[in-house]
Protein backbone atom coordinates (compact mmCIF):
# COMPACT_ATOMS: atom_id res chain seq x y z
CA UNK A 1 3.91 15.82 8.91
CA UNK A 2 5.01 13.35 6.10
CA UNK A 3 7.92 11.27 5.12
CA UNK A 4 8.36 10.83 0.95
CA UNK A 5 10.74 9.56 -1.36
CA UNK A 6 11.94 10.33 -4.88
CA UNK A 7 13.23 8.58 -7.27
CA UNK A 8 14.29 7.90 -11.06
CA UNK A 9 14.93 5.11 -12.93
CA UNK A 10 17.56 5.16 -15.80
CA UNK A 11 15.89 1.82 -17.29
CA UNK A 12 12.49 2.74 -17.40
CA UNK A 13 12.50 6.47 -17.13
CA UNK A 14 10.59 6.69 -14.89
CA UNK A 15 10.39 9.32 -11.83
CA UNK A 16 8.19 9.01 -8.87
CA UNK A 17 7.02 10.52 -5.80
CA UNK A 18 5.69 8.52 -2.51
CA UNK A 19 4.60 10.35 0.46
CA UNK A 20 2.47 9.29 3.57
CA UNK A 21 0.90 11.47 6.87
CA UNK A 22 -0.93 11.78 9.74
CA UNK A 23 -2.17 14.93 7.68
CA UNK A 24 -5.66 15.00 5.31
CA UNK A 25 -4.73 14.82 1.66
CA UNK A 26 -0.87 14.87 1.30
CA UNK A 27 -0.24 13.22 -1.58
CA UNK A 28 -1.96 16.73 -2.86
CA UNK A 29 0.15 19.14 -1.26
CA UNK A 30 3.50 17.26 -1.10
CA UNK A 31 4.54 15.84 -5.14
CA UNK A 32 5.59 17.51 -7.88
CA UNK A 33 6.21 15.62 -10.94
CA UNK A 34 7.84 16.94 -14.15
CA UNK A 35 9.09 15.38 -17.52
CA UNK A 36 13.02 15.26 -16.16
CA UNK A 37 12.23 16.42 -12.68
CA UNK A 38 10.70 16.24 -9.40
CA UNK A 39 9.81 18.00 -6.63
CA UNK A 40 8.85 17.13 -2.58
CA UNK A 41 7.68 20.11 -0.12
CA UNK A 42 6.74 19.06 2.63
CA UNK A 43 6.47 19.94 6.78
CA UNK A 44 5.11 24.03 6.93
CA UNK A 45 4.18 23.53 3.22
CA UNK A 46 5.40 26.30 0.69
CA UNK A 47 3.45 25.42 -2.62
CA UNK A 48 5.95 27.60 -4.57
CA UNK A 49 8.77 25.03 -3.97
CA UNK A 50 6.81 22.92 -5.91
CA UNK A 51 5.10 24.91 -8.97
CA UNK A 52 8.28 26.88 -9.16
CA UNK A 53 10.74 24.48 -8.18
CA UNK A 54 8.92 21.76 -11.15
CA UNK A 55 9.13 24.64 -13.61
CA UNK A 56 12.92 25.74 -12.85
CA UNK A 57 14.31 21.81 -12.69
CA UNK A 58 12.58 21.83 -16.14
CA UNK A 59 14.76 24.62 -17.31
CA UNK A 60 17.79 23.17 -16.29
CA UNK A 61 18.18 24.88 -13.53
CA UNK A 62 20.52 22.36 -10.83
CA UNK A 63 19.13 21.26 -7.84
CA UNK A 64 21.69 22.32 -5.33
CA UNK A 65 21.78 25.20 -6.57
CA UNK A 66 17.88 25.88 -6.50
CA UNK A 67 17.09 24.44 -2.60
CA UNK A 68 19.41 27.56 -1.91
CA UNK A 69 17.90 30.03 -4.08
CA UNK A 70 14.81 29.23 -2.48
CA UNK A 71 15.88 28.57 0.94
CA UNK A 72 17.45 32.90 0.62
CA UNK A 73 13.84 33.61 -0.75
CA UNK A 74 11.96 31.85 1.95
CA UNK A 75 11.10 33.86 5.73
CA UNK A 76 9.70 30.55 6.36
CA UNK A 77 12.87 28.71 5.47
CA UNK A 78 13.55 27.08 9.01
CA UNK A 79 9.99 25.64 8.97
CA UNK A 80 9.87 24.22 5.16
CA UNK A 81 11.48 20.74 4.24
CA UNK A 82 11.93 20.22 0.59
CA UNK A 83 14.13 17.87 -1.63
CA UNK A 84 13.90 17.93 -5.12
CA UNK A 85 15.27 15.91 -8.29
CA UNK A 86 16.96 18.08 -11.47
CA UNK A 87 17.10 17.29 -15.40
CA UNK A 88 20.16 15.96 -15.14
CA UNK A 89 19.12 13.39 -12.38
CA UNK A 90 20.75 14.99 -9.26
CA UNK A 91 19.11 15.55 -6.12
CA UNK A 92 19.00 18.35 -3.00
CA UNK A 93 16.79 18.78 -0.16
CA UNK A 94 16.84 20.88 2.52
CA UNK A 95 15.08 20.36 6.23
CA UNK A 96 14.68 23.37 8.31
CA UNK A 97 16.01 24.33 11.38
CA UNK A 98 12.69 24.43 12.96
CA UNK A 99 11.10 21.10 11.96
CA UNK A 100 9.72 19.59 14.36
CA UNK A 101 11.69 16.51 15.28
CA UNK A 102 12.63 13.85 14.30
CA UNK A 103 13.33 15.82 11.05
CA UNK A 104 15.83 15.04 8.80
CA UNK A 105 16.76 13.23 4.65
CA UNK A 106 19.35 11.53 3.29
CA UNK A 107 19.93 11.55 -0.75
CA UNK A 108 21.42 9.27 -2.87
CA UNK A 109 22.40 8.23 -7.03
CA UNK A 110 19.00 7.37 -7.15
CA UNK A 111 17.05 8.43 -4.96
CA UNK A 112 16.18 10.37 -1.73
CA UNK A 113 14.02 10.48 1.41
CA UNK A 114 12.70 13.69 3.70
CA UNK A 115 10.37 13.08 6.70
CA UNK A 116 9.80 15.55 9.48
CA UNK A 117 7.60 15.27 12.59
CA UNK A 118 8.85 11.05 12.75
CA UNK A 119 9.42 8.92 15.11
CA UNK A 120 13.05 9.05 14.10
CA UNK A 121 16.30 8.66 11.90
CA UNK A 122 15.30 5.24 11.32
CA UNK A 123 11.92 6.18 9.49
CA UNK A 124 13.86 7.55 6.56
CA UNK A 125 16.68 4.81 6.89
CA UNK A 126 14.55 1.97 6.70
CA UNK A 127 12.54 3.85 3.34
CA UNK A 128 16.01 4.72 1.71
CA UNK A 129 16.89 1.48 2.67
CA UNK A 130 14.48 -0.54 0.99
CA UNK A 131 14.01 0.95 -2.15
CA UNK A 132 17.36 0.56 -2.75
CA UNK A 133 17.43 -3.93 -2.18
CA UNK A 134 14.03 -4.02 -3.84
CA UNK A 135 15.18 -3.68 -7.53
CA UNK A 136 13.72 -6.96 -8.54
CA UNK A 137 9.99 -4.78 -8.06
CA UNK A 138 8.40 -2.15 -10.60
CA UNK A 139 8.51 1.50 -10.15
CA UNK A 140 5.59 1.80 -7.92
CA UNK A 141 5.72 -1.17 -6.64
CA UNK A 142 9.10 -0.40 -5.00
CA UNK A 143 8.20 3.24 -3.84
CA UNK A 144 5.14 1.19 -1.56
CA UNK A 145 8.02 -1.53 -0.11
CA UNK A 146 10.49 1.84 0.85
CA UNK A 147 7.42 3.42 2.48
CA UNK A 148 5.67 0.71 4.20
CA UNK A 149 9.45 -0.19 5.52
CA UNK A 150 9.57 3.07 6.64
CA UNK A 151 6.35 2.49 8.63
CA UNK A 152 7.24 -0.76 10.34
CA UNK A 153 10.08 1.28 11.61
CA UNK A 154 7.70 4.21 13.07
CA UNK A 155 6.27 6.49 10.76
CA UNK A 156 4.92 9.52 11.44
CA UNK A 157 4.93 9.58 15.40
CA UNK A 158 1.22 11.15 15.06
CA UNK A 159 -0.28 8.02 13.71
CA UNK A 160 -1.60 7.34 9.46
CA UNK A 161 -4.57 9.14 7.56
CA UNK A 162 -3.40 9.69 4.25
CA UNK A 163 -1.06 8.80 1.13
CA UNK A 164 0.14 9.24 -2.23
CA UNK A 165 1.39 7.73 -5.34
CA UNK A 166 2.67 9.82 -8.92
CA UNK A 167 4.56 8.25 -11.49
CA UNK A 168 5.40 9.91 -14.57
CA UNK A 169 7.25 8.38 -17.75
CA UNK A 170 8.87 10.76 -19.49
CA UNK A 171 5.73 13.15 -20.00
CA UNK A 172 4.18 15.84 -18.95
CA UNK A 173 0.85 14.37 -17.68
CA UNK A 174 1.17 11.47 -15.28
CA UNK A 175 1.50 7.58 -16.05
CA UNK A 176 0.10 7.00 -12.29
CA UNK A 177 -1.28 9.45 -10.02
CA UNK A 178 -2.67 7.52 -7.20
CA UNK A 179 -4.20 9.24 -3.23
CA UNK A 180 -5.61 8.50 -0.33
CA UNK A 181 -7.16 11.74 1.55
CA UNK A 182 -7.94 9.85 4.95
CA UNK A 183 -8.03 6.73 6.19
CA UNK A 184 -6.99 4.55 8.60
CA UNK A 185 -3.93 2.30 6.56
CA UNK A 186 -3.34 4.49 3.44
CA UNK A 187 0.01 3.12 2.39
CA UNK A 188 -2.25 -0.93 2.92
CA UNK A 189 -5.37 0.91 0.53
CA UNK A 190 -2.38 2.57 -2.13
CA UNK A 191 -1.14 -1.28 -2.27
CA UNK A 192 -5.21 -2.05 -3.24
CA UNK A 193 -5.80 0.55 -5.69
CA UNK A 194 -2.28 -0.41 -7.42
CA UNK A 195 -3.60 -4.08 -7.79
CA UNK A 196 -6.63 -2.36 -9.20
CA UNK A 197 -5.11 -0.31 -11.62
CA UNK A 198 -3.53 -3.22 -13.18
CA UNK A 199 -6.72 -5.02 -13.90
CA UNK A 200 -7.43 -2.47 -16.60
CA UNK A 201 -6.21 1.49 -15.68
CA UNK A 202 -2.36 0.36 -16.30
CA UNK A 203 -3.22 -1.12 -19.69
CA UNK A 204 -5.16 2.11 -21.34
CA UNK A 205 -2.21 3.87 -19.82
CA UNK A 206 0.48 2.25 -21.71
CA UNK A 207 -1.40 2.83 -24.45
CA UNK A 208 -2.24 6.65 -24.28
CA UNK A 209 -0.23 9.43 -26.66
CA UNK A 210 3.01 10.43 -25.76
CA UNK A 211 5.35 13.71 -27.31
CA UNK A 212 6.92 11.17 -29.49
CA UNK A 213 3.54 9.48 -30.81
CA UNK A 214 0.39 12.48 -30.58
CA UNK A 215 -1.80 9.56 -31.29
CA UNK A 216 -1.20 6.78 -29.11
CA UNK A 217 -2.26 3.44 -29.48
CA UNK A 218 -5.85 4.02 -31.28
CA UNK A 219 -6.91 0.54 -31.66
CA UNK A 220 -8.73 -0.82 -29.01
CA UNK A 221 -8.04 -4.82 -29.84
CA UNK A 222 -4.15 -4.83 -28.36
CA UNK A 223 -5.45 -3.59 -25.10
CA UNK A 224 -8.12 -5.70 -24.96
CA UNK A 225 -6.20 -8.50 -25.58
CA UNK A 226 -3.83 -7.22 -22.43
CA UNK A 227 -6.41 -6.95 -20.43
CA UNK A 228 -8.33 -10.01 -21.17
CA UNK A 229 -4.41 -12.32 -20.05
CA UNK A 230 -4.21 -9.63 -16.95
CA UNK A 231 -8.00 -11.04 -15.90
CA UNK A 232 -6.43 -14.66 -16.47
CA UNK A 233 -3.18 -14.89 -15.54
CA UNK A 234 -4.69 -13.34 -11.87
CA UNK A 235 -8.04 -16.21 -11.93
CA UNK A 236 -5.26 -18.73 -12.61
CA UNK A 237 -3.50 -17.17 -9.21
CA UNK A 238 -6.47 -17.80 -7.62
CA UNK A 239 -6.88 -13.92 -6.89
CA UNK A 240 -10.24 -12.19 -6.41
CA UNK A 241 -10.50 -8.45 -7.55
CA UNK A 242 -10.26 -6.67 -5.03
CA UNK A 243 -12.01 -4.10 -7.13
CA UNK A 244 -15.32 -2.38 -4.99
CA UNK A 245 -16.99 -0.90 -8.41
CA UNK A 246 -20.83 -2.27 -8.68
CA UNK A 247 -21.98 -3.71 -12.18
CA UNK A 248 -25.41 -3.12 -13.63
CA UNK A 249 -26.62 -5.86 -14.99
CA UNK A 250 -29.65 -4.43 -18.31
CA UNK A 251 -32.69 -7.27 -17.29
CA UNK A 252 -34.82 -7.88 -20.48
CA UNK A 253 -37.85 -8.47 -19.99
């Protein structure tokens, strides 16, 4: 039930996973991302491939060896699907022989794609090729463009329900973590959420503490200025906010 992409951008130090499925809350079940590594565990999900995999990859285990080890240990190997990125930037993948057709994967130098219960191999190919072609986009936009191409090529053969997007920037905590758990157009909803994140959230995320700067940015002024510039640019372009948030205005008698 699912297709997903793992990507690594050596220029921005970003690692991301995007996933979509006709399965509730796939964004909670599939992606596991760390400072330097990532794991997507899917099909008949075994979360230990994610939790143990992330820990062992961060400790320097090669992805190819770890995939082989997990497949050896797991009696459910034939119904599992997993792909992962190790700390040295290498990708590896496993698609069990009993995963529901169509199922398969493709790995490259900077990204990998895997899927099962798909309409056909064109879903993986379109997702993989679109990510490779869209280096003009930010990591988040690029991942969503790739996933949308996979959906347009057929996607999950059962339909649509959920999607997720996670990006880390060399930290244990996520720079961006968006989920849509139950929606008739989950990737479209992720697009909307990403736009809303750009109004305020991402400016705050840029200022958050890191392993190299425990305090982060403690002055609100540059954050507020960045938010204001983004708002002015959006209004100048004639784009209304897509946020669904409400405002309460205090009335004075």
